[in-house]
C-alpha cells in the first residue's frame, strides 16, 4: 500500500516537473516577445513625442497645424496599440508565473508526502 502511494507520488512529481518545463519554455518565448513589444512601444512613443513637438510648433505658426495634428494622432494611436500589446504580453507572463507558484507549492507538498512515506517504510 505504501509502495503504491510512493509510486503515485513519483508519477505526480514527474507530471508537475513536465508542467514546469512547459511553462518555462512558454515564459522564455513570451519574455522575448515582451522585449520586442516594449522596444516597439518605446520607439513609437519617441516618434509621437517628436511629432507632438512639431504639432505644438505649428500651433504657433511654424508649420501646418492641421497636418501635424493628423500625424500626431496617427502616432498616438500606434503608440497606444504597442502599449496594449506589451501589456497583454506582460499579463500572460504574470499568469504563467502564478501557475508556476502553484505548481511549486504542489511539488513541495508531494516532496513532503514522499518524505513522510519513506520514513513510514523505515
C-alpha atoms as a PDB file:
ATOM      1  CA  UNK A   1       0.000   0.000   0.000  1.00  0.00           C
ATOM      2  CA  UNK A   2       2.710   2.494   0.958  1.00  0.00           C
ATOM      3  CA  UNK A   3       4.784   1.492  -2.076  1.00  0.00           C
ATOM      4  CA  UNK A   4       1.814   2.175  -4.358  1.00  0.00           C
ATOM      5  CA  UNK A   5       1.339   5.578  -2.776  1.00  0.00           C
ATOM      6  CA  UNK A   6       5.064   6.248  -3.171  1.00  0.00           C
ATOM      7  CA  UNK A   7       4.870   5.291  -6.866  1.00  0.00           C
ATOM      8  CA  UNK A   8       1.869   7.607  -7.332  1.00  0.00           C
ATOM      9  CA  UNK A   9       3.809  10.346  -5.619  1.00  0.00           C
ATOM     10  CA  UNK A  10       6.713   9.878  -8.053  1.00  0.00           C
ATOM     11  CA  UNK A  11       4.333   9.990 -11.028  1.00  0.00           C
ATOM     12  CA  UNK A  12       2.718  13.165  -9.699  1.00  0.00           C
ATOM     13  CA  UNK A  13       6.138  14.698  -9.229  1.00  0.00           C
ATOM     14  CA  UNK A  14       7.103  13.834 -12.797  1.00  0.00           C
ATOM     15  CA  UNK A  15       3.877  15.366 -14.155  1.00  0.00           C
ATOM     16  CA  UNK A  16       4.468  18.543 -12.186  1.00  0.00           C
ATOM     17  CA  UNK A  17       8.067  18.721 -13.434  1.00  0.00           C
ATOM     18  CA  UNK A  18       6.799  18.439 -17.027  1.00  0.00           C
ATOM     19  CA  UNK A  19       4.379  21.289 -16.374  1.00  0.00           C
ATOM     20  CA  UNK A  20       7.233  23.406 -15.024  1.00  0.00           C
ATOM     21  CA  UNK A  21       9.339  22.703 -18.120  1.00  0.00           C
ATOM     22  CA  UNK A  22       6.439  23.600 -20.396  1.00  0.00           C
ATOM     23  CA  UNK A  23       5.729  26.841 -18.560  1.00  0.00           C
ATOM     24  CA  UNK A  24       9.406  27.807 -18.510  1.00  0.00           C
ATOM     25  CA  UNK A  25       9.536  27.269 -22.260  1.00  0.00           C
ATOM     26  CA  UNK A  26       6.470  29.476 -22.749  1.00  0.00           C
ATOM     27  CA  UNK A  27       7.953  32.106 -20.445  1.00  0.00           C
ATOM     28  CA  UNK A  28      11.138  32.241 -22.488  1.00  0.00           C
ATOM     29  CA  UNK A  29       9.169  32.895 -25.663  1.00  0.00           C
ATOM     30  CA  UNK A  30       6.891  35.443 -24.028  1.00  0.00           C
ATOM     31  CA  UNK A  31       9.767  37.335 -22.425  1.00  0.00           C
ATOM     32  CA  UNK A  32      11.449  37.654 -25.831  1.00  0.00           C
ATOM     33  CA  UNK A  33       8.159  38.906 -27.277  1.00  0.00           C
ATOM     34  CA  UNK A  34       7.751  41.343 -24.381  1.00  0.00           C
ATOM     35  CA  UNK A  35      11.196  42.783 -25.025  1.00  0.00           C
ATOM     36  CA  UNK A  36      10.288  43.314 -28.700  1.00  0.00           C
ATOM     37  CA  UNK A  37       6.901  44.824 -27.852  1.00  0.00           C
ATOM     38  CA  UNK A  38       8.429  47.162 -25.255  1.00  0.00           C
ATOM     39  CA  UNK A  39      11.012  48.300 -27.810  1.00  0.00           C
ATOM     40  CA  UNK A  40       8.263  48.969 -30.365  1.00  0.00           C
ATOM     41  CA  UNK A  41       6.367  50.960 -27.749  1.00  0.00           C
ATOM     42  CA  UNK A  42       9.423  52.998 -26.723  1.00  0.00           C
ATOM     43  CA  UNK A  43      10.350  53.859 -30.312  1.00  0.00           C
ATOM     44  CA  UNK A  44       6.766  54.705 -31.186  1.00  0.00           C
ATOM     45  CA  UNK A  45       6.483  56.893 -28.098  1.00  0.00           C
ATOM     46  CA  UNK A  46       9.665  58.736 -29.058  1.00  0.00           C
ATOM     47  CA  UNK A  47       8.271  59.354 -32.548  1.00  0.00           C
ATOM     48  CA  UNK A  48       4.977  60.501 -31.047  1.00  0.00           C
ATOM     49  CA  UNK A  49       6.735  62.907 -28.676  1.00  0.00           C
ATOM     50  CA  UNK A  50       8.758  64.377 -31.547  1.00  0.00           C
ATOM     51  CA  UNK A  51       5.595  64.783 -33.585  1.00  0.00           C
ATOM     52  CA  UNK A  52       3.831  66.418 -30.650  1.00  0.00           C
ATOM     53  CA  UNK A  53       6.633  68.982 -30.571  1.00  0.00           C
ATOM     54  CA  UNK A  54       6.185  69.648 -34.315  1.00  0.00           C
ATOM     55  CA  UNK A  55       2.439  69.976 -33.797  1.00  0.00           C
ATOM     56  CA  UNK A  56       2.873  72.438 -30.916  1.00  0.00           C
ATOM     57  CA  UNK A  57       5.319  74.449 -33.003  1.00  0.00           C
ATOM     58  CA  UNK A  58       2.773  74.525 -35.838  1.00  0.00           C
ATOM     59  CA  UNK A  59       0.158  75.891 -33.447  1.00  0.00           C
ATOM     60  CA  UNK A  60       2.385  78.946 -33.031  1.00  0.00           C
ATOM     61  CA  UNK A  61       2.686  79.487 -36.774  1.00  0.00           C
ATOM     62  CA  UNK A  62       5.723  77.358 -37.589  1.00  0.00           C
ATOM     63  CA  UNK A  63       4.054  74.903 -39.950  1.00  0.00           C
ATOM     64  CA  UNK A  64       0.710  73.408 -40.923  1.00  0.00           C
ATOM     65  CA  UNK A  65      -1.058  72.696 -37.627  1.00  0.00           C
ATOM     66  CA  UNK A  66      -3.810  70.594 -39.188  1.00  0.00           C
ATOM     67  CA  UNK A  67      -1.353  68.343 -40.994  1.00  0.00           C
ATOM     68  CA  UNK A  68       0.901  67.992 -37.939  1.00  0.00           C
ATOM     69  CA  UNK A  69      -2.098  67.168 -35.763  1.00  0.00           C
ATOM     70  CA  UNK A  70      -3.146  64.336 -38.108  1.00  0.00           C
ATOM     71  CA  UNK A  71       0.355  62.866 -37.956  1.00  0.00           C
ATOM     72  CA  UNK A  72       0.398  63.209 -34.181  1.00  0.00           C
ATOM     73  CA  UNK A  73      -2.957  61.446 -33.789  1.00  0.00           C
ATOM     74  CA  UNK A  74      -1.800  58.580 -36.016  1.00  0.00           C
ATOM     75  CA  UNK A  75       1.356  58.139 -33.957  1.00  0.00           C
ATOM     76  CA  UNK A  76      -0.638  58.345 -30.748  1.00  0.00           C
ATOM     77  CA  UNK A  77      -2.899  55.504 -31.919  1.00  0.00           C
ATOM     78  CA  UNK A  78       0.108  53.395 -32.933  1.00  0.00           C
ATOM     79  CA  UNK A  79       1.770  54.035 -29.574  1.00  0.00           C
ATOM     80  CA  UNK A  80      -1.393  53.054 -27.707  1.00  0.00           C
ATOM     81  CA  UNK A  81      -1.585  49.857 -29.772  1.00  0.00           C
ATOM     82  CA  UNK A  82       2.030  48.930 -28.967  1.00  0.00           C
ATOM     83  CA  UNK A  83       1.418  49.671 -25.289  1.00  0.00           C
ATOM     84  CA  UNK A  84      -1.609  47.361 -25.194  1.00  0.00           C
ATOM     85  CA  UNK A  85       0.288  44.572 -26.956  1.00  0.00           C
ATOM     86  CA  UNK A  86       3.131  44.833 -24.437  1.00  0.00           C
ATOM     87  CA  UNK A  87       0.671  44.996 -21.545  1.00  0.00           C
ATOM     88  CA  UNK A  88      -1.210  41.886 -22.732  1.00  0.00           C
ATOM     89  CA  UNK A  89       2.073  40.008 -23.079  1.00  0.00           C
ATOM     90  CA  UNK A  90       3.013  41.021 -19.530  1.00  0.00           C
ATOM     91  CA  UNK A  91      -0.355  39.752 -18.283  1.00  0.00           C
ATOM     92  CA  UNK A  92       0.333  36.369 -19.908  1.00  0.00           C
ATOM     93  CA  UNK A  93       3.760  36.264 -18.243  1.00  0.00           C
ATOM     94  CA  UNK A  94       2.248  37.124 -14.865  1.00  0.00           C
ATOM     95  CA  UNK A  95      -0.376  34.400 -15.306  1.00  0.00           C
ATOM     96  CA  UNK A  96       2.279  31.792 -16.096  1.00  0.00           C
ATOM     97  CA  UNK A  97       4.369  32.905 -13.121  1.00  0.00           C
ATOM     98  CA  UNK A  98       1.315  32.479 -10.888  1.00  0.00           C
ATOM     99  CA  UNK A  99       0.802  28.987 -12.311  1.00  0.00           C
ATOM    100  CA  UNK A 100       4.450  28.222 -11.554  1.00  0.00           C
ATOM    101  CA  UNK A 101       3.975  29.286  -7.938  1.00  0.00           C
ATOM    102  CA  UNK A 102       1.031  26.908  -7.556  1.00  0.00           C
ATOM    103  CA  UNK A 103       2.903  24.045  -9.196  1.00  0.00           C
ATOM    104  CA  UNK A 104       5.930  24.653  -6.978  1.00  0.00           C
ATOM    105  CA  UNK A 105       3.653  24.509  -3.941  1.00  0.00           C
ATOM    106  CA  UNK A 106       2.311  21.172  -5.228  1.00  0.00           C
ATOM    107  CA  UNK A 107       5.853  19.922  -5.700  1.00  0.00           C
ATOM    108  CA  UNK A 108       6.709  20.875  -2.114  1.00  0.00           C
ATOM    109  CA  UNK A 109       3.603  19.049  -0.893  1.00  0.00           C
ATOM    110  CA  UNK A 110       4.476  15.979  -2.951  1.00  0.00           C
ATOM    111  CA  UNK A 111       8.014  16.010  -1.549  1.00  0.00           C
ATOM    112  CA  UNK A 112       6.594  16.304   1.944  1.00  0.00           C
ATOM    113  CA  UNK A 113       4.271  13.332   1.405  1.00  0.00           C
ATOM    114  CA  UNK A 114       7.086  11.402  -0.233  1.00  0.00           C
ATOM    115  CA  UNK A 115       9.377  12.077   2.718  1.00  0.00           C
ATOM    116  CA  UNK A 116       6.785  11.003   5.277  1.00  0.00           C
ATOM    117  CA  UNK A 117       6.092   7.832   3.301  1.00  0.00           C
ATOM    118  CA  UNK A 118       9.775   6.982   3.202  1.00  0.00           C
ATOM    119  CA  UNK A 119      10.009   7.424   6.963  1.00  0.00           C
ATOM    120  CA  UNK A 120       6.987   5.180   7.355  1.00  0.00           C
ATOM    121  CA  UNK A 121       8.721   2.471   5.332  1.00  0.00           C
ATOM    122  CA  UNK A 122      11.824   2.594   7.543  1.00  0.00           C
END
